[in-house]
Protein backbone atom coordinates (compact mmCIF):
# COMPACT_ATOMS: atom_id res chain seq x y z
CA MET A 1 5.27 -25.17 -6.27
CA GLU A 2 3.68 -25.81 -2.90
CA ILE A 3 1.42 -23.47 -0.98
CA THR A 4 2.73 -23.94 2.54
CA GLU A 5 0.55 -21.44 4.42
CA ILE A 6 -2.69 -19.58 3.89
CA ARG A 7 -3.97 -16.82 6.15
CA ILE A 8 -7.50 -15.48 5.91
CA LYS A 9 -8.98 -12.21 7.19
CA LEU A 10 -12.76 -12.42 7.08
CA MET A 11 -14.63 -9.27 6.12
CA GLU A 12 -17.72 -9.44 8.30
CA GLY A 13 -20.40 -6.91 7.54
CA SER A 14 -18.96 -6.02 4.16
CA GLU A 15 -21.56 -4.29 1.99
CA ASP A 16 -20.22 -5.61 -1.30
CA ARG A 17 -19.31 -9.12 -2.47
CA LEU A 18 -15.87 -9.10 -0.76
CA ARG A 19 -15.84 -11.97 1.73
CA ALA A 20 -12.20 -12.01 2.88
CA PHE A 21 -8.61 -11.00 2.27
CA CYS A 22 -5.99 -13.70 2.02
CA SER A 23 -2.22 -14.15 2.01
CA ILE A 24 -0.41 -17.22 0.75
CA THR A 25 3.10 -18.46 1.43
CA ILE A 26 4.77 -20.39 -1.37
CA ASP A 27 7.46 -23.00 -0.55
CA ASN A 28 8.00 -21.48 2.93
CA ALA A 29 9.88 -18.71 1.14
CA PHE A 30 7.61 -16.22 -0.63
CA VAL A 31 4.47 -14.41 0.59
CA VAL A 32 1.78 -12.88 -1.59
CA ARG A 33 -0.63 -10.64 0.31
CA ASP A 34 -4.00 -9.11 -0.44
CA LEU A 35 -5.63 -11.80 -2.52
CA LYS A 36 -9.39 -11.26 -2.30
CA ILE A 37 -12.10 -13.86 -1.84
CA ILE A 38 -15.20 -12.59 -3.61
CA ASP A 39 -18.72 -14.00 -3.83
CA GLY A 40 -19.36 -14.98 -7.42
CA THR A 41 -22.49 -16.27 -9.11
CA SER A 42 -21.30 -19.88 -8.73
CA GLY A 43 -19.64 -19.52 -5.32
CA PRO A 44 -16.58 -17.74 -3.95
CA PHE A 45 -13.56 -17.14 -6.18
CA VAL A 46 -10.06 -15.74 -5.65
CA ALA A 47 -9.03 -12.40 -7.16
CA MET A 48 -5.32 -11.65 -7.37
CA PRO A 49 -3.82 -8.56 -5.72
CA SER A 50 -4.10 -5.53 -7.97
CA ARG A 51 -3.40 -1.83 -8.08
CA LYS A 52 -5.46 1.01 -9.43
CA LEU A 53 -4.24 2.32 -12.77
CA SER A 54 -3.70 6.04 -13.09
CA GLY A 55 -3.09 8.62 -15.75
CA HIS A 56 -0.97 11.74 -15.65
CA CYS A 57 -2.18 15.32 -15.99
CA ASN A 58 -0.93 16.95 -19.20
CA ARG A 59 -0.23 20.20 -17.35
CA CYS A 60 1.38 19.25 -14.01
CA ASN A 61 2.06 15.50 -14.55
CA TYR A 62 0.19 14.58 -11.31
CA LYS A 63 -1.17 11.00 -11.10
CA ASN A 64 -4.96 10.85 -11.20
CA HIS A 65 -7.53 8.05 -11.31
CA LEU A 66 -8.23 7.02 -14.90
CA ARG A 67 -11.85 8.17 -14.80
CA ALA A 68 -11.06 11.56 -13.25
CA SER A 69 -12.42 14.52 -15.20
CA TYR A 70 -10.18 17.09 -13.53
CA CYS A 71 -6.67 16.93 -12.04
CA ASN A 72 -6.62 16.58 -8.26
CA GLN A 73 -3.49 18.74 -8.11
CA CYS A 74 -4.00 21.69 -10.48
CA GLY A 75 -7.68 21.41 -11.47
CA THR A 76 -7.04 21.22 -15.21
CA LYS A 77 -9.62 19.32 -17.25
CA ILE A 78 -8.13 15.93 -18.12
CA GLN A 79 -8.32 14.80 -21.71
CA ASN A 80 -9.40 11.16 -21.69
CA ASP A 81 -8.41 8.99 -24.61
CA SER A 82 -11.27 6.57 -23.91
CA HIS A 83 -13.40 8.01 -26.73
CA ASP A 84 -11.18 6.12 -29.19
CA ASN A 85 -12.23 2.67 -27.90
CA HIS A 86 -16.00 2.64 -27.37
CA ASP A 87 -16.12 -1.12 -27.93
CA GLN A 88 -13.81 -2.08 -25.05
CA PRO A 89 -14.35 -1.14 -21.40
CA GLN A 90 -11.54 0.85 -19.85
CA LYS A 91 -9.19 -1.26 -17.69
CA LEU A 92 -9.03 0.34 -14.23
CA TYR A 93 -6.89 -2.19 -12.34
CA ALA A 94 -3.75 -4.21 -13.10
CA ASP A 95 -2.72 -7.41 -11.30
CA VAL A 96 0.36 -7.06 -9.11
CA ALA A 97 0.92 -10.82 -8.96
CA HIS A 98 -0.92 -13.57 -10.80
CA PRO A 99 -0.53 -17.15 -12.03
CA ILE A 100 0.49 -17.52 -15.66
CA ASN A 101 -1.30 -20.81 -16.35
CA SER A 102 -4.62 -22.40 -15.46
CA GLU A 103 -3.04 -25.22 -13.41
CA CYS A 104 -1.42 -22.74 -11.03
CA ARG A 105 -4.62 -20.67 -10.82
CA GLU A 106 -6.63 -23.79 -9.93
CA LEU A 107 -4.06 -24.85 -7.33
CA ILE A 108 -4.25 -21.45 -5.61
CA GLN A 109 -8.05 -21.21 -5.95
CA ASN A 110 -8.71 -24.67 -4.50
CA ALA A 111 -6.29 -24.25 -1.59
CA VAL A 112 -7.58 -20.77 -0.69
CA ILE A 113 -11.27 -21.70 -0.88
CA THR A 114 -10.66 -24.80 1.27
CA GLU A 115 -8.87 -22.68 3.88
CA PHE A 116 -11.58 -19.99 3.64
CA GLU A 117 -14.25 -22.57 4.50
CA ALA A 118 -12.12 -23.83 7.41
CA GLU A 119 -11.67 -20.23 8.63
CA LEU A 120 -15.44 -19.72 8.52
CA SER A 121 -15.77 -22.74 10.84
CA ARG A 122 -12.99 -21.52 13.16
CA CYS A 123 -14.53 -18.05 13.50
CA GLN A 124 -17.54 -19.63 15.24
CA GLN A 125 -15.31 -20.90 18.07
CA PRO A 126 -14.89 -18.84 21.26
CA GLY A 127 -11.65 -16.86 21.39
CA TYR A 128 -11.23 -16.83 17.62
CA ARG A 129 -8.51 -14.51 16.32
CA SER A 130 -7.43 -14.07 12.71
CA ARG A 131 -3.74 -14.74 12.01
CA TYR A 132 -3.76 -12.60 8.87
CA ASP A 133 -1.89 -9.67 10.39
CA ASP A 134 0.60 -11.78 12.35
CA ASP A 135 4.27 -11.37 11.49
CA PHE A 136 5.54 -13.57 8.66
CA ALA A 137 9.09 -13.55 10.07
CA ASP A 138 8.80 -17.03 11.57
CA VAL A 139 12.14 -18.69 10.91
CA ASP A 140 12.19 -22.36 9.98
CA SER A 141 14.26 -24.92 11.85
CA ASP A 142 16.79 -25.28 9.01
CA ALA A 143 18.04 -21.70 9.41
CA PRO A 144 21.40 -21.13 11.11
CA GLN A 145 21.09 -20.30 14.81
CA ALA A 146 22.82 -16.93 14.28
CA ILE A 147 19.94 -15.81 12.07
CA ILE A 148 17.34 -16.97 14.58
CA ASP A 149 19.12 -15.26 17.49
CA SER A 150 19.93 -12.01 15.67
CA PRO A 151 17.92 -9.06 16.96
CA LYS A 152 15.32 -7.56 14.70
CA PRO A 153 16.12 -4.01 13.60
CA GLN A 154 14.32 -1.36 15.58
CA HIS A 155 12.88 1.44 13.47
CA LYS A 156 12.90 4.64 15.49
CA PRO A 157 10.84 7.56 14.30
CA ALA A 158 12.85 10.48 13.04
CA PRO A 159 12.94 13.49 15.37
CA PRO A 160 10.65 16.32 14.33
CA ARG A 161 12.30 18.75 11.94
CA PRO A 162 12.14 22.44 12.80
CA HIS A 163 10.25 24.68 10.42
CA PHE A 164 13.16 27.09 10.17
CA ILE A 165 16.84 26.29 10.52
CA ASP A 166 19.34 29.13 11.02
CA PRO A 167 22.10 29.05 8.42
CA PRO A 168 25.53 28.18 9.78
CA SER A 169 27.44 31.21 11.01
CA GLY A 170 30.67 30.20 9.32
CA GLY A 171 32.75 31.30 12.30
CA ARG A 172 31.21 34.77 12.54
CA GLU A 173 29.31 35.76 15.60
CA SER A 174 25.68 36.35 14.91
CA ALA A 175 24.44 39.85 15.53
CA SER A 176 21.88 40.04 18.28
CA VAL A 177 18.63 41.74 17.54
CA ASP A 178 17.66 44.35 20.04
CA SER A 179 14.24 45.91 19.92
CA ASN A 180 15.76 49.29 20.81
CA ASP A 181 18.13 49.27 17.80
CA ASP A 182 17.27 51.65 14.99
CA ASP A 183 16.74 49.52 11.91
CA SER A 184 17.54 51.90 9.11
CA PHE A 185 17.78 49.35 6.35
CA GLY A 186 16.43 50.94 3.20
CA ALA A 187 15.72 54.21 4.96
CA GLY A 188 17.40 56.28 2.25
CA ILE A 189 15.45 54.80 -0.62
CA PHE A 190 12.34 56.91 -0.23
CA SER A 191 13.89 60.03 1.26
CA GLY A 192 14.11 62.78 -1.09
């Protein structure tokens, strides 16, 4: 495995230990986004992208944060099962992507930290701009020319949907409503 590109987005003015976000490209073919560079006690380290774990409400099945006391949808008190395991802290996040051995972790860590330090130097230069949010669709020179020349799909926003759609008439003419018409629907119900 070769890390062929690393992009860093510095987090200036961050209140916590988060120093930067990072994306890596592996073998010019696969991108992993949202790695975090965090200040540790012995220097910066790389945290893999993760997602917040959630639990479901017993009443409405809505997804809530694991430490929520009440459901954000229906307001029901959530029964937490954390009282069973007082010895172990509750896991709140799960890695989305991560290395499965220490050699791979060290390879990623060393490459990212080296690029992070280079990015810190580059950000001091006039006209600095982070490449983190740039498009990853750069096509390599080995790709067929038809792929390079093909237009990118244009995503057009869907037209706004009306709040009320008249049902189809099914070939019948719709009756016009006239304010002068006597609407006697249900008039005989209460007459006695």
